[in-house]
Amino acid sequence: MKKPDYTILVCNSYRVAGDAQGYCNKQGATSLVQCLAEGCSDRGLDAVVTTTACFSVCSQGPIVVIQPNNYWYGGVNEDRVEEILDALEAGNAVEEYLIA
């Protein structure tokens, strides 16, 4: 099996009890998964997009993490996804959205 070039993690606020109830989920993180997956496909980026449990930085959510680059983005919405993926395609980060 070939590993993808990128793994894109979207916080979906899953908690130990299994309820997605946190800030990222309430701010539309679930819609970001499809937006990111379609954007990667449109650009020919070899990426897997998946949701995660809480990253514990709710005040900066929705959170998207791109590996192996270790880019941690905060305040991500569908408009910012395009900019983030354009930068990723060019081999860069969008510095103003990075939180770590």
PDB file of N, CA and C in Angstrom:
ATOM      1  N   MET A   1       0.833  -1.185   0.000  1.00  0.00           N
ATOM      2  CA  MET A   1       0.000   0.000   0.000  1.00  0.00           C
ATOM      3  C   MET A   1       0.873   1.242   0.000  1.00  0.00           C
ATOM      4  N   LYS A   2       0.570   2.165  -0.878  1.00  0.00           N
ATOM      5  CA  LYS A   2       1.286   3.432  -0.934  1.00  0.00           C
ATOM      6  C   LYS A   2       0.682   4.401   0.078  1.00  0.00           C
ATOM      7  N   LYS A   3       1.537   5.014   0.854  1.00  0.00           N
ATOM      8  CA  LYS A   3       1.077   6.022   1.807  1.00  0.00           C
ATOM      9  C   LYS A   3       0.792   7.315   1.054  1.00  0.00           C
ATOM     10  N   PRO A   4      -0.240   8.056   1.486  1.00  0.00           N
ATOM     11  CA  PRO A   4      -0.507   9.346   0.848  1.00  0.00           C
ATOM     12  C   PRO A   4       0.578  10.355   1.205  1.00  0.00           C
ATOM     13  N   ASP A   5       0.726  11.365   0.372  1.00  0.00           N
ATOM     14  CA  ASP A   5       1.702  12.428   0.655  1.00  0.00           C
ATOM     15  C   ASP A   5       1.296  13.245   1.881  1.00  0.00           C
ATOM     16  N   TYR A   6      -0.004  13.410   2.077  1.00  0.00           N
ATOM     17  CA  TYR A   6      -0.511  14.230   3.176  1.00  0.00           C
ATOM     18  C   TYR A   6      -1.640  13.513   3.909  1.00  0.00           C
ATOM     19  N   THR A   7      -1.684  13.736   5.208  1.00  0.00           N
ATOM     20  CA  THR A   7      -2.826  13.346   6.028  1.00  0.00           C
ATOM     21  C   THR A   7      -3.370  14.634   6.617  1.00  0.00           C
ATOM     22  N   ILE A   8      -4.638  14.896   6.337  1.00  0.00           N
ATOM     23  CA  ILE A   8      -5.271  16.123   6.807  1.00  0.00           C
ATOM     24  C   ILE A   8      -6.297  15.744   7.871  1.00  0.00           C
ATOM     25  N   LEU A   9      -6.078  16.252   9.074  1.00  0.00           N
ATOM     26  CA  LEU A   9      -6.905  15.931  10.232  1.00  0.00           C
ATOM     27  C   LEU A   9      -7.802  17.116  10.559  1.00  0.00           C
ATOM     28  N   VAL A  10      -9.085  16.856  10.677  1.00  0.00           N
ATOM     29  CA  VAL A  10     -10.053  17.897  10.994  1.00  0.00           C
ATOM     30  C   VAL A  10     -10.655  17.585  12.357  1.00  0.00           C
ATOM     31  N   CYS A  11     -10.470  18.488  13.306  1.00  0.00           N
ATOM     32  CA  CYS A  11     -11.066  18.275  14.624  1.00  0.00           C
ATOM     33  C   CYS A  11     -12.575  18.257  14.474  1.00  0.00           C
ATOM     34  N   ASN A  12     -13.188  17.220  15.012  1.00  0.00           N
ATOM     35  CA  ASN A  12     -14.645  17.146  15.009  1.00  0.00           C
ATOM     36  C   ASN A  12     -15.180  17.034  16.428  1.00  0.00           C
ATOM     37  N   SER A  13     -14.341  17.363  17.399  1.00  0.00           N
ATOM     38  CA  SER A  13     -14.753  17.505  18.796  1.00  0.00           C
ATOM     39  C   SER A  13     -15.264  16.237  19.447  1.00  0.00           C
ATOM     40  N   TYR A  14     -14.868  15.067  18.951  1.00  0.00           N
ATOM     41  CA  TYR A  14     -15.309  13.829  19.589  1.00  0.00           C
ATOM     42  C   TYR A  14     -14.763  13.775  21.008  1.00  0.00           C
ATOM     43  N   ARG A  15     -15.586  13.345  21.918  1.00  0.00           N
ATOM     44  CA  ARG A  15     -15.214  13.240  23.324  1.00  0.00           C
ATOM     45  C   ARG A  15     -15.184  11.766  23.728  1.00  0.00           C
ATOM     46  N   VAL A  16     -14.675  11.493  24.912  1.00  0.00           N
ATOM     47  CA  VAL A  16     -14.574  10.132  25.421  1.00  0.00           C
ATOM     48  C   VAL A  16     -15.923   9.418  25.366  1.00  0.00           C
ATOM     49  N   ALA A  17     -16.979  10.126  25.672  1.00  0.00           N
ATOM     50  CA  ALA A  17     -18.310   9.524  25.660  1.00  0.00           C
ATOM     51  C   ALA A  17     -18.840   9.315  24.239  1.00  0.00           C
ATOM     52  N   GLY A  18     -18.099   9.810  23.243  1.00  0.00           N
ATOM     53  CA  GLY A  18     -18.494   9.608  21.865  1.00  0.00           C
ATOM     54  C   GLY A  18     -19.325  10.720  21.262  1.00  0.00           C
ATOM     55  N   ASP A  19     -19.654  11.724  22.038  1.00  0.00           N
ATOM     56  CA  ASP A  19     -20.469  12.815  21.528  1.00  0.00           C
ATOM     57  C   ASP A  19     -19.600  13.894  20.891  1.00  0.00           C
ATOM     58  N   ALA A  20     -19.938  14.257  19.660  1.00  0.00           N
ATOM     59  CA  ALA A  20     -19.272  15.393  19.020  1.00  0.00           C
ATOM     60  C   ALA A  20     -20.037  16.635  19.451  1.00  0.00           C
ATOM     61  N   GLN A  21     -19.487  17.340  20.413  1.00  0.00           N
ATOM     62  CA  GLN A  21     -20.255  18.444  20.988  1.00  0.00           C
ATOM     63  C   GLN A  21     -19.452  19.717  21.182  1.00  0.00           C
ATOM     64  N   GLY A  22     -18.207  19.704  20.843  1.00  0.00           N
ATOM     65  CA  GLY A  22     -17.353  20.848  21.111  1.00  0.00           C
ATOM     66  C   GLY A  22     -17.425  21.941  20.067  1.00  0.00           C
ATOM     67  N   TYR A  23     -16.568  22.909  20.235  1.00  0.00           N
ATOM     68  CA  TYR A  23     -16.566  24.121  19.428  1.00  0.00           C
ATOM     69  C   TYR A  23     -16.388  23.839  17.938  1.00  0.00           C
ATOM     70  N   CYS A  24     -15.408  23.038  17.577  1.00  0.00           N
ATOM     71  CA  CYS A  24     -15.137  22.795  16.154  1.00  0.00           C
ATOM     72  C   CYS A  24     -16.348  22.190  15.460  1.00  0.00           C
ATOM     73  N   ASN A  25     -16.963  21.221  16.087  1.00  0.00           N
ATOM     74  CA  ASN A  25     -18.148  20.592  15.511  1.00  0.00           C
ATOM     75  C   ASN A  25     -19.274  21.608  15.347  1.00  0.00           C
ATOM     76  N   LYS A  26     -19.490  22.425  16.350  1.00  0.00           N
ATOM     77  CA  LYS A  26     -20.567  23.421  16.297  1.00  0.00           C
ATOM     78  C   LYS A  26     -20.283  24.520  15.280  1.00  0.00           C
ATOM     79  N   GLN A  27     -19.017  24.692  14.917  1.00  0.00           N
ATOM     80  CA  GLN A  27     -18.642  25.720  13.941  1.00  0.00           C
ATOM     81  C   GLN A  27     -18.518  25.164  12.524  1.00  0.00           C
ATOM     82  N   GLY A  28     -19.023  23.956  12.298  1.00  0.00           N
ATOM     83  CA  GLY A  28     -19.101  23.427  10.943  1.00  0.00           C
ATOM     84  C   GLY A  28     -17.930  22.603  10.476  1.00  0.00           C
ATOM     85  N   ALA A  29     -17.179  22.029  11.381  1.00  0.00           N
ATOM     86  CA  ALA A  29     -16.008  21.234  10.991  1.00  0.00           C
ATOM     87  C   ALA A  29     -16.380  20.063  10.087  1.00  0.00           C
ATOM     88  N   THR A  30     -17.565  19.505  10.255  1.00  0.00           N
ATOM     89  CA  THR A  30     -17.931  18.356   9.427  1.00  0.00           C
ATOM     90  C   THR A  30     -18.000  18.726   7.952  1.00  0.00           C
ATOM     91  N   SER A  31     -18.432  19.932   7.631  1.00  0.00           N
ATOM     92  CA  SER A  31     -18.484  20.342   6.221  1.00  0.00           C
ATOM     93  C   SER A  31     -17.088  20.571   5.645  1.00  0.00           C
ATOM     94  N   LEU A  32     -16.107  20.816   6.508  1.00  0.00           N
ATOM     95  CA  LEU A  32     -14.737  21.028   6.038  1.00  0.00           C
ATOM     96  C   LEU A  32     -14.138  19.750   5.449  1.00  0.00           C
ATOM     97  N   VAL A  33     -14.573  18.593   5.929  1.00  0.00           N
ATOM     98  CA  VAL A  33     -14.020  17.320   5.447  1.00  0.00           C
ATOM     99  C   VAL A  33     -14.265  17.180   3.949  1.00  0.00           C
ATOM    100  N   GLN A  34     -15.489  17.367   3.532  1.00  0.00           N
ATOM    101  CA  GLN A  34     -15.811  17.256   2.112  1.00  0.00           C
ATOM    102  C   GLN A  34     -15.125  18.351   1.308  1.00  0.00           C
ATOM    103  N   CYS A  35     -15.112  19.546   1.825  1.00  0.00           N
ATOM    104  CA  CYS A  35     -14.476  20.672   1.147  1.00  0.00           C
ATOM    105  C   CYS A  35     -12.978  20.397   0.931  1.00  0.00           C
ATOM    106  N   LEU A  36     -12.312  19.899   1.956  1.00  0.00           N
ATOM    107  CA  LEU A  36     -10.893  19.567   1.859  1.00  0.00           C
ATOM    108  C   LEU A  36     -10.649  18.410   0.889  1.00  0.00           C
ATOM    109  N   ALA A  37     -11.459  17.375   0.986  1.00  0.00           N
ATOM    110  CA  ALA A  37     -11.290  16.212   0.111  1.00  0.00           C
ATOM    111  C   ALA A  37     -11.482  16.597  -1.353  1.00  0.00           C
ATOM    112  N   GLU A  38     -12.519  17.368  -1.641  1.00  0.00           N
ATOM    113  CA  GLU A  38     -12.762  17.802  -3.017  1.00  0.00           C
ATOM    114  C   GLU A  38     -11.657  18.736  -3.503  1.00  0.00           C
ATOM    115  N   GLY A  39     -11.218  19.633  -2.631  1.00  0.00           N
ATOM    116  CA  GLY A  39     -10.142  20.559  -2.991  1.00  0.00           C
ATOM    117  C   GLY A  39      -8.841  19.835  -3.299  1.00  0.00           C
ATOM    118  N   CYS A  40      -8.520  18.815  -2.514  1.00  0.00           N
ATOM    119  CA  CYS A  40      -7.310  18.019  -2.766  1.00  0.00           C
ATOM    120  C   CYS A  40      -7.436  17.285  -4.095  1.00  0.00           C
ATOM    121  N   SER A  41      -8.585  16.708  -4.339  1.00  0.00           N
ATOM    122  CA  SER A  41      -8.825  15.980  -5.580  1.00  0.00           C
ATOM    123  C   SER A  41      -8.711  16.910  -6.781  1.00  0.00           C
ATOM    124  N   ASP A  42      -9.312  18.090  -6.695  1.00  0.00           N
ATOM    125  CA  ASP A  42      -9.260  19.066  -7.786  1.00  0.00           C
ATOM    126  C   ASP A  42      -7.833  19.488  -8.111  1.00  0.00           C
ATOM    127  N   ARG A  43      -6.972  19.528  -7.095  1.00  0.00           N
ATOM    128  CA  ARG A  43      -5.586  19.960  -7.281  1.00  0.00           C
ATOM    129  C   ARG A  43      -4.634  18.799  -7.558  1.00  0.00           C
ATOM    130  N   GLY A  44      -5.139  17.597  -7.467  1.00  0.00           N
ATOM    131  CA  GLY A  44      -4.280  16.430  -7.661  1.00  0.00           C
ATOM    132  C   GLY A  44      -3.357  16.160  -6.485  1.00  0.00           C
ATOM    133  N   LEU A  45      -3.728  16.663  -5.312  1.00  0.00           N
ATOM    134  CA  LEU A  45      -2.934  16.404  -4.104  1.00  0.00           C
ATOM    135  C   LEU A  45      -3.259  15.013  -3.589  1.00  0.00           C
ATOM    136  N   ASP A  46      -2.229  14.241  -3.299  1.00  0.00           N
ATOM    137  CA  ASP A  46      -2.387  12.885  -2.774  1.00  0.00           C
ATOM    138  C   ASP A  46      -2.557  12.994  -1.262  1.00  0.00           C
ATOM    139  N   ALA A  47      -3.821  13.058  -0.820  1.00  0.00           N
ATOM    140  CA  ALA A  47      -4.104  13.297   0.596  1.00  0.00           C
ATOM    141  C   ALA A  47      -5.272  12.444   1.070  1.00  0.00           C
ATOM    142  N   VAL A  48      -5.218  12.110   2.356  1.00  0.00           N
ATOM    143  CA  VAL A  48      -6.326  11.480   3.058  1.00  0.00           C
ATOM    144  C   VAL A  48      -6.847  12.526   4.034  1.00  0.00           C
ATOM    145  N   VAL A  49      -8.162  12.723   4.026  1.00  0.00           N
ATOM    146  CA  VAL A  49      -8.795  13.682   4.932  1.00  0.00           C
ATOM    147  C   VAL A  49      -9.669  12.897   5.896  1.00  0.00           C
ATOM    148  N   THR A  50      -9.494  13.160   7.194  1.00  0.00           N
ATOM    149  CA  THR A  50     -10.254  12.419   8.197  1.00  0.00           C
ATOM    150  C   THR A  50     -10.561  13.314   9.392  1.00  0.00           C
ATOM    151  N   THR A  51     -11.533  12.911  10.191  1.00  0.00           N
ATOM    152  CA  THR A  51     -11.866  13.651  11.410  1.00  0.00           C
ATOM    153  C   THR A  51     -11.148  13.037  12.605  1.00  0.00           C
ATOM    154  N   THR A  52     -11.063  13.813  13.661  1.00  0.00           N
ATOM    155  CA  THR A  52     -10.367  13.375  14.868  1.00  0.00           C
ATOM    156  C   THR A  52     -11.180  13.721  16.106  1.00  0.00           C
ATOM    157  N   ALA A  53     -10.663  13.276  17.207  1.00  0.00           N
ATOM    158  CA  ALA A  53     -11.171  13.715  18.506  1.00  0.00           C
ATOM    159  C   ALA A  53     -10.685  15.140  18.749  1.00  0.00           C
ATOM    160  N   CYS A  54     -11.062  15.675  19.870  1.00  0.00           N
ATOM    161  CA  CYS A  54     -10.726  17.057  20.215  1.00  0.00           C
ATOM    162  C   CYS A  54      -9.211  17.265  20.322  1.00  0.00           C
ATOM    163  N   PHE A  55      -8.734  18.370  19.728  1.00  0.00           N
ATOM    164  CA  PHE A  55      -7.322  18.742  19.835  1.00  0.00           C
ATOM    165  C   PHE A  55      -7.045  19.603  21.062  1.00  0.00           C
ATOM    166  N   SER A  56      -8.082  19.974  21.803  1.00  0.00           N
ATOM    167  CA  SER A  56      -7.978  20.757  23.042  1.00  0.00           C
ATOM    168  C   SER A  56      -7.440  22.169  22.829  1.00  0.00           C
ATOM    169  N   VAL A  57      -7.753  22.751  21.689  1.00  0.00           N
ATOM    170  CA  VAL A  57      -7.471  24.168  21.451  1.00  0.00           C
ATOM    171  C   VAL A  57      -8.748  24.813  20.895  1.00  0.00           C
ATOM    172  N   CYS A  58      -9.836  24.540  21.596  1.00  0.00           N
ATOM    173  CA  CYS A  58     -11.171  24.933  21.140  1.00  0.00           C
ATOM    174  C   CYS A  58     -11.284  26.429  20.849  1.00  0.00           C
ATOM    175  N   SER A  59     -10.605  27.250  21.608  1.00  0.00           N
ATOM    176  CA  SER A  59     -10.717  28.700  21.421  1.00  0.00           C
ATOM    177  C   SER A  59     -10.209  29.141  20.051  1.00  0.00           C
ATOM    178  N   GLN A  60      -9.484  28.270  19.354  1.00  0.00           N
ATOM    179  CA  GLN A  60      -8.927  28.630  18.050  1.00  0.00           C
ATOM    180  C   GLN A  60      -9.540  27.824  16.907  1.00  0.00           C
ATOM    181  N   GLY A  61     -10.610  27.085  17.186  1.00  0.00           N
ATOM    182  CA  GLY A  61     -11.198  26.196  16.198  1.00  0.00           C
ATOM    183  C   GLY A  61     -12.058  26.904  15.173  1.00  0.00           C
ATOM    184  N   PRO A  62     -12.477  26.166  14.193  1.00  0.00           N
ATOM    185  CA  PRO A  62     -12.144  24.800  13.844  1.00  0.00           C
ATOM    186  C   PRO A  62     -10.659  24.616  13.496  1.00  0.00           C
ATOM    187  N   ILE A  63     -10.126  23.492  13.932  1.00  0.00           N
ATOM    188  CA  ILE A  63      -8.705  23.171  13.768  1.00  0.00           C
ATOM    189  C   ILE A  63      -8.521  22.169  12.640  1.00  0.00           C
ATOM    190  N   VAL A  64      -7.522  22.424  11.796  1.00  0.00           N
ATOM    191  CA  VAL A  64      -7.107  21.501  10.738  1.00  0.00           C
ATOM    192  C   VAL A  64      -5.603  21.325  10.866  1.00  0.00           C
ATOM    193  N   VAL A  65      -5.152  20.075  10.885  1.00  0.00           N
ATOM    194  CA  VAL A  65      -3.722  19.763  10.983  1.00  0.00           C
ATOM    195  C   VAL A  65      -3.317  19.014   9.716  1.00  0.00           C
ATOM    196  N   ILE A  66      -2.230  19.467   9.103  1.00  0.00           N
ATOM    197  CA  ILE A  66      -1.722  18.813   7.895  1.00  0.00           C
ATOM    198  C   ILE A  66      -0.372  18.187   8.212  1.00  0.00           C
ATOM    199  N   GLN A  67      -0.324  16.871   8.008  1.00  0.00           N
ATOM    200  CA  GLN A  67       0.903  16.104   8.227  1.00  0.00           C
ATOM    201  C   GLN A  67       1.392  15.579   6.886  1.00  0.00           C
ATOM    202  N   PRO A  68       2.663  15.411   6.651  1.00  0.00           N
ATOM    203  CA  PRO A  68       3.761  15.459   7.614  1.00  0.00           C
ATOM    204  C   PRO A  68       4.317  16.856   7.871  1.00  0.00           C
ATOM    205  N   ASN A  69       3.710  17.898   7.284  1.00  0.00           N
ATOM    206  CA  ASN A  69       4.221  19.258   7.432  1.00  0.00           C
ATOM    207  C   ASN A  69       4.085  19.806   8.847  1.00  0.00           C
ATOM    208  N   ASN A  70       3.179  19.214   9.635  1.00  0.00           N
ATOM    209  CA  ASN A  70       2.888  19.661  10.988  1.00  0.00           C
ATOM    210  C   ASN A  70       2.360  21.100  11.009  1.00  0.00           C
ATOM    211  N   TYR A  71       1.519  21.426  10.022  1.00  0.00           N
ATOM    212  CA  TYR A  71       0.842  22.715   9.983  1.00  0.00           C
ATOM    213  C   TYR A  71      -0.433  22.606  10.808  1.00  0.00           C
ATOM    214  N   TRP A  72      -0.554  23.433  11.827  1.00  0.00           N
ATOM    215  CA  TRP A  72      -1.754  23.494  12.662  1.00  0.00           C
ATOM    216  C   TRP A  72      -2.462  24.803  12.337  1.00  0.00           C
ATOM    217  N   TYR A  73      -3.632  24.701  11.701  1.00  0.00           N
ATOM    218  CA  TYR A  73      -4.402  25.875  11.321  1.00  0.00           C
ATOM    219  C   TYR A  73      -5.595  26.043  12.240  1.00  0.00           C
ATOM    220  N   GLY A  74      -5.880  27.298  12.595  1.00  0.00           N
ATOM    221  CA  GLY A  74      -7.031  27.600  13.420  1.00  0.00           C
ATOM    222  C   GLY A  74      -7.996  28.525  12.706  1.00  0.00           C
ATOM    223  N   GLY A  75      -9.231  28.510  13.153  1.00  0.00           N
ATOM    224  CA  GLY A  75     -10.253  29.367  12.568  1.00  0.00           C
ATOM    225  C   GLY A  75     -10.553  29.024  11.120  1.00  0.00           C
ATOM    226  N   VAL A  76     -10.443  27.740  10.790  1.00  0.00           N
ATOM    227  CA  VAL A  76     -10.610  27.328   9.397  1.00  0.00           C
ATOM    228  C   VAL A  76     -12.097  27.303   9.034  1.00  0.00           C
ATOM    229  N   ASN A  77     -12.378  27.877   7.872  1.00  0.00           N
ATOM    230  CA  ASN A  77     -13.717  27.814   7.293  1.00  0.00           C
ATOM    231  C   ASN A  77     -13.548  27.464   5.818  1.00  0.00           C
ATOM    232  N   GLU A  78     -14.655  27.326   5.098  1.00  0.00           N
ATOM    233  CA  GLU A  78     -14.562  26.883   3.704  1.00  0.00           C
ATOM    234  C   GLU A  78     -13.793  27.873   2.833  1.00  0.00           C
ATOM    235  N   ASP A  79     -13.887  29.165   3.113  1.00  0.00           N
ATOM    236  CA  ASP A  79     -13.127  30.161   2.341  1.00  0.00           C
ATOM    237  C   ASP A  79     -11.624  29.991   2.555  1.00  0.00           C
ATOM    238  N   ARG A  80     -11.229  29.712   3.777  1.00  0.00           N
ATOM    239  CA  ARG A  80      -9.807  29.551   4.074  1.00  0.00           C
ATOM    240  C   ARG A  80      -9.243  28.238   3.534  1.00  0.00           C
ATOM    241  N   VAL A  81     -10.093  27.226   3.361  1.00  0.00           N
ATOM    242  CA  VAL A  81      -9.637  25.943   2.829  1.00  0.00           C
ATOM    243  C   VAL A  81      -8.970  26.139   1.474  1.00  0.00           C
ATOM    244  N   GLU A  82      -9.573  26.929   0.613  1.00  0.00           N
ATOM    245  CA  GLU A  82      -9.017  27.157  -0.722  1.00  0.00           C
ATOM    246  C   GLU A  82      -7.615  27.755  -0.635  1.00  0.00           C
ATOM    247  N   GLU A  83      -7.467  28.735   0.209  1.00  0.00           N
ATOM    248  CA  GLU A  83      -6.168  29.389   0.387  1.00  0.00           C
ATOM    249  C   GLU A  83      -5.136  28.423   0.973  1.00  0.00           C
ATOM    250  N   ILE A  84      -5.554  27.632   1.953  1.00  0.00           N
ATOM    251  CA  ILE A  84      -4.655  26.664   2.586  1.00  0.00           C
ATOM    252  C   ILE A  84      -4.200  25.613   1.576  1.00  0.00           C
ATOM    253  N   LEU A  85      -5.128  25.110   0.769  1.00  0.00           N
ATOM    254  CA  LEU A  85      -4.763  24.080  -0.212  1.00  0.00           C
ATOM    255  C   LEU A  85      -3.927  24.659  -1.356  1.00  0.00           C
ATOM    256  N   ASP A  86      -4.198  25.892  -1.755  1.00  0.00           N
ATOM    257  CA  ASP A  86      -3.358  26.543  -2.769  1.00  0.00           C
ATOM    258  C   ASP A  86      -1.920  26.652  -2.272  1.00  0.00           C
ATOM    259  N   ALA A  87      -1.762  27.042  -1.013  1.00  0.00           N
ATOM    260  CA  ALA A  87      -0.427  27.161  -0.425  1.00  0.00           C
ATOM    261  C   ALA A  87       0.239  25.794  -0.316  1.00  0.00           C
ATOM    262  N   LEU A  88      -0.511  24.785   0.098  1.00  0.00           N
ATOM    263  CA  LEU A  88       0.038  23.436   0.220  1.00  0.00           C
ATOM    264  C   LEU A  88       0.523  22.939  -1.137  1.00  0.00           C
ATOM    265  N   GLU A  89      -0.261  23.190  -2.159  1.00  0.00           N
ATOM    266  CA  GLU A  89       0.110  22.788  -3.511  1.00  0.00           C
ATOM    267  C   GLU A  89       1.418  23.463  -3.941  1.00  0.00           C
ATOM    268  N   ALA A  90       1.641  24.694  -3.486  1.00  0.00           N
ATOM    269  CA  ALA A  90       2.861  25.441  -3.810  1.00  0.00           C
ATOM    270  C   ALA A  90       4.005  25.108  -2.862  1.00  0.00           C
ATOM    271  N   GLY A  91       3.733  24.258  -1.853  1.00  0.00           N
ATOM    272  CA  GLY A  91       4.772  23.872  -0.901  1.00  0.00           C
ATOM    273  C   GLY A  91       4.951  24.856   0.239  1.00  0.00           C
ATOM    274  N   ASN A  92       3.917  25.634   0.519  1.00  0.00           N
ATOM    275  CA  ASN A  92       3.994  26.664   1.550  1.00  0.00           C
ATOM    276  C   ASN A  92       2.874  26.504   2.565  1.00  0.00           C
ATOM    277  N   ALA A  93       2.955  27.303   3.627  1.00  0.00           N
ATOM    278  CA  ALA A  93       1.896  27.408   4.625  1.00  0.00           C
ATOM    279  C   ALA A  93       1.287  28.804   4.524  1.00  0.00           C
ATOM    280  N   VAL A  94       0.064  28.949   5.013  1.00  0.00           N
ATOM    281  CA  VAL A  94      -0.552  30.274   5.141  1.00  0.00           C
ATOM    282  C   VAL A  94      -0.259  30.724   6.573  1.00  0.00           C
ATOM    283  N   GLU A  95       0.804  31.482   6.708  1.00  0.00           N
ATOM    284  CA  GLU A  95       1.326  31.858   8.035  1.00  0.00           C
ATOM    285  C   GLU A  95       0.271  32.480   8.941  1.00  0.00           C
ATOM    286  N   GLU A  96      -0.610  33.312   8.398  1.00  0.00           N
ATOM    287  CA  GLU A  96      -1.564  34.040   9.249  1.00  0.00           C
ATOM    288  C   GLU A  96      -2.600  33.134   9.902  1.00  0.00           C
ATOM    289  N   TYR A  97      -2.791  31.926   9.395  1.00  0.00           N
ATOM    290  CA  TYR A  97      -3.764  31.001   9.982  1.00  0.00           C
ATOM    291  C   TYR A  97      -3.112  29.957  10.894  1.00  0.00           C
ATOM    292  N   LEU A  98      -1.780  29.894  10.905  1.00  0.00           N
ATOM    293  CA  LEU A  98      -1.096  28.900  11.742  1.00  0.00           C
ATOM    294  C   LEU A  98      -1.235  29.247  13.217  1.00  0.00           C
ATOM    295  N   ILE A  99      -1.485  28.217  14.017  1.00  0.00           N
ATOM    296  CA  ILE A  99      -1.591  28.436  15.470  1.00  0.00           C
ATOM    297  C   ILE A  99      -0.448  27.761  16.223  1.00  0.00           C
ATOM    298  N   ALA A 100       0.325  26.971  15.541  1.00  0.00           N
ATOM    299  CA  ALA A 100       1.459  26.287  16.201  1.00  0.00           C
ATOM    300  C   ALA A 100       2.579  26.116  15.206  1.00  0.00           C
TER     301      ALA A 100
END
